[in-house]
Amino acid sequence: MAIMKKKEMRESSDTTLQEKLTTYVRELNFEKGVVKNGGRTSNPGKIKELRHTVARILTILHERKESKTVGTKLPPVAAKPAAKKDAKKEKVEVKNVA
């Protein structure tokens, strides 16, 4: 029941994705409004699918924006040194103060 497939999203331009995004957000707000007012939607899974589609479009637009600004990938994060297995934990005594 995909409204728009990921492959189609990645192949389309930024302007078309922006247009699709506005229409999907309007449609999502309409469907949510119908439910809030006590009505029923024509398709119960439509709200979930619209939410997912909007999120996918936003993700793709953000990825494109980041790739234009950064241009290269960030260097990998250095791994933390492994903790010593033989290190003993200090014992802490708790005194009752009453």
C-alpha atoms as a PDB file:
ATOM      1  CA  MET A   1       0.000   0.000   0.000  1.00  0.00           C
ATOM      2  CA  ALA A   2       2.970   2.289  -0.497  1.00  0.00           C
ATOM      3  CA  ILE A   3       1.864   5.761  -1.438  1.00  0.00           C
ATOM      4  CA  MET A   4       5.205   6.492  -3.046  1.00  0.00           C
ATOM      5  CA  LYS A   5       8.028   3.992  -3.315  1.00  0.00           C
ATOM      6  CA  LYS A   6      11.520   4.775  -2.057  1.00  0.00           C
ATOM      7  CA  LYS A   7      12.973   4.273  -5.518  1.00  0.00           C
ATOM      8  CA  GLU A   8      10.583   6.859  -6.963  1.00  0.00           C
ATOM      9  CA  MET A   9      11.483   9.277  -4.161  1.00  0.00           C
ATOM     10  CA  ARG A  10      15.208   8.955  -4.747  1.00  0.00           C
ATOM     11  CA  GLU A  11      14.801   9.448  -8.518  1.00  0.00           C
ATOM     12  CA  SER A  12      12.638  12.568  -8.255  1.00  0.00           C
ATOM     13  CA  SER A  13      13.977  16.092  -7.837  1.00  0.00           C
ATOM     14  CA  ASP A  14      13.927  18.207  -4.685  1.00  0.00           C
ATOM     15  CA  THR A  15      11.143  20.468  -5.953  1.00  0.00           C
ATOM     16  CA  THR A  16       8.822  17.567  -6.736  1.00  0.00           C
ATOM     17  CA  LEU A  17       9.560  16.035  -3.343  1.00  0.00           C
ATOM     18  CA  GLN A  18       8.716  19.346  -1.665  1.00  0.00           C
ATOM     19  CA  GLU A  19       5.419  19.495  -3.569  1.00  0.00           C
ATOM     20  CA  LYS A  20       4.571  15.902  -2.652  1.00  0.00           C
ATOM     21  CA  LEU A  21       5.511  16.621   0.955  1.00  0.00           C
ATOM     22  CA  THR A  22       3.080  19.524   1.226  1.00  0.00           C
ATOM     23  CA  THR A  23       0.234  17.508  -0.304  1.00  0.00           C
ATOM     24  CA  TYR A  24       0.891  14.527   1.970  1.00  0.00           C
ATOM     25  CA  VAL A  25       1.096  16.715   5.072  1.00  0.00           C
ATOM     26  CA  ARG A  26      -2.211  18.399   4.166  1.00  0.00           C
ATOM     27  CA  GLU A  27      -3.840  15.038   3.567  1.00  0.00           C
ATOM     28  CA  LEU A  28      -2.456  13.702   6.852  1.00  0.00           C
ATOM     29  CA  ASN A  29      -3.760  16.707   8.774  1.00  0.00           C
ATOM     30  CA  PHE A  30      -7.179  16.269   7.161  1.00  0.00           C
ATOM     31  CA  GLU A  31      -7.341  12.585   8.096  1.00  0.00           C
ATOM     32  CA  LYS A  32      -6.231  13.323  11.666  1.00  0.00           C
ATOM     33  CA  GLY A  33      -8.871  16.045  11.910  1.00  0.00           C
ATOM     34  CA  VAL A  34     -11.587  13.650  10.809  1.00  0.00           C
ATOM     35  CA  VAL A  35     -10.557  11.152  13.481  1.00  0.00           C
ATOM     36  CA  LYS A  36     -10.280  13.838  16.201  1.00  0.00           C
ATOM     37  CA  ASN A  37     -13.823  14.982  15.452  1.00  0.00           C
ATOM     38  CA  GLY A  38     -15.149  11.480  15.931  1.00  0.00           C
ATOM     39  CA  GLY A  39     -15.376  10.463  12.306  1.00  0.00           C
ATOM     40  CA  ARG A  40     -13.993   7.478  10.482  1.00  0.00           C
ATOM     41  CA  THR A  41     -11.412   7.410   7.753  1.00  0.00           C
ATOM     42  CA  SER A  42     -12.067   5.648   4.499  1.00  0.00           C
ATOM     43  CA  ASN A  43      -8.935   3.566   5.012  1.00  0.00           C
ATOM     44  CA  PRO A  44      -7.696   2.858   8.554  1.00  0.00           C
ATOM     45  CA  GLY A  45      -4.079   2.302   7.527  1.00  0.00           C
ATOM     46  CA  LYS A  46      -3.870   5.517   5.557  1.00  0.00           C
ATOM     47  CA  ILE A  47      -2.733   7.697   8.482  1.00  0.00           C
ATOM     48  CA  LYS A  48       0.149   5.385   9.305  1.00  0.00           C
ATOM     49  CA  GLU A  49       1.225   5.144   5.686  1.00  0.00           C
ATOM     50  CA  LEU A  50       1.088   8.922   5.277  1.00  0.00           C
ATOM     51  CA  ARG A  51       3.217   9.410   8.386  1.00  0.00           C
ATOM     52  CA  HIS A  52       5.811   6.962   7.100  1.00  0.00           C
ATOM     53  CA  THR A  53       5.856   8.510   3.640  1.00  0.00           C
ATOM     54  CA  VAL A  54       6.308  12.021   5.053  1.00  0.00           C
ATOM     55  CA  ALA A  55       9.170  10.773   7.211  1.00  0.00           C
ATOM     56  CA  ARG A  56      10.841   9.100   4.232  1.00  0.00           C
ATOM     57  CA  ILE A  57      10.597  12.246   2.120  1.00  0.00           C
ATOM     58  CA  LEU A  58      12.030  14.368   4.925  1.00  0.00           C
ATOM     59  CA  THR A  59      14.865  11.882   5.379  1.00  0.00           C
ATOM     60  CA  ILE A  60      15.760  11.902   1.687  1.00  0.00           C
ATOM     61  CA  LEU A  61      15.659  15.708   1.542  1.00  0.00           C
ATOM     62  CA  HIS A  62      17.864  15.923   4.628  1.00  0.00           C
ATOM     63  CA  GLU A  63      20.353  13.421   3.175  1.00  0.00           C
ATOM     64  CA  ARG A  64      20.583  15.441  -0.025  1.00  0.00           C
ATOM     65  CA  LYS A  65      21.071  18.674   1.893  1.00  0.00           C
ATOM     66  CA  GLU A  66      23.816  17.138   4.042  1.00  0.00           C
ATOM     67  CA  SER A  67      25.613  15.652   1.049  1.00  0.00           C
ATOM     68  CA  LYS A  68      25.672  19.058  -0.642  1.00  0.00           C
ATOM     69  CA  THR A  69      27.004  20.891   2.398  1.00  0.00           C
ATOM     70  CA  VAL A  70      29.468  18.335   3.685  1.00  0.00           C
ATOM     71  CA  GLY A  71      30.619  16.697   0.487  1.00  0.00           C
ATOM     72  CA  THR A  72      32.577  14.007   2.286  1.00  0.00           C
ATOM     73  CA  LYS A  73      31.823  11.555   4.996  1.00  0.00           C
ATOM     74  CA  LEU A  74      32.910  12.137   8.547  1.00  0.00           C
ATOM     75  CA  PRO A  75      35.920  10.152   9.762  1.00  0.00           C
ATOM     76  CA  PRO A  76      35.038   7.053  11.771  1.00  0.00           C
ATOM     77  CA  VAL A  77      34.819   7.461  15.509  1.00  0.00           C
ATOM     78  CA  ALA A  78      37.847   6.091  17.352  1.00  0.00           C
ATOM     79  CA  ALA A  79      37.043   3.083  19.478  1.00  0.00           C
ATOM     80  CA  LYS A  80      37.317   3.437  23.221  1.00  0.00           C
ATOM     81  CA  PRO A  81      40.113   1.445  24.842  1.00  0.00           C
ATOM     82  CA  ALA A  82      38.929  -1.843  26.254  1.00  0.00           C
ATOM     83  CA  ALA A  83      38.466  -1.949  30.008  1.00  0.00           C
ATOM     84  CA  LYS A  84      40.808  -4.163  31.965  1.00  0.00           C
ATOM     85  CA  LYS A  85      39.126  -7.386  32.941  1.00  0.00           C
ATOM     86  CA  ASP A  86      41.371  -7.984  35.943  1.00  0.00           C
ATOM     87  CA  ALA A  87      40.681  -4.638  37.554  1.00  0.00           C
ATOM     88  CA  LYS A  88      39.107  -5.107  40.963  1.00  0.00           C
ATOM     89  CA  LYS A  89      36.322  -2.880  42.118  1.00  0.00           C
ATOM     90  CA  GLU A  90      36.882  -0.940  45.278  1.00  0.00           C
ATOM     91  CA  LYS A  91      34.666  -1.922  48.164  1.00  0.00           C
ATOM     92  CA  VAL A  92      32.810   0.934  49.751  1.00  0.00           C
ATOM     93  CA  GLU A  93      31.589   0.574  53.319  1.00  0.00           C
ATOM     94  CA  VAL A  94      28.289   2.153  54.206  1.00  0.00           C
ATOM     95  CA  LYS A  95      27.909   3.381  57.768  1.00  0.00           C
ATOM     96  CA  ASN A  96      24.537   3.901  59.377  1.00  0.00           C
ATOM     97  CA  VAL A  97      24.323   7.374  60.830  1.00  0.00           C
ATOM     98  CA  ALA A  98      21.372   7.461  63.151  1.00  0.00           C
END
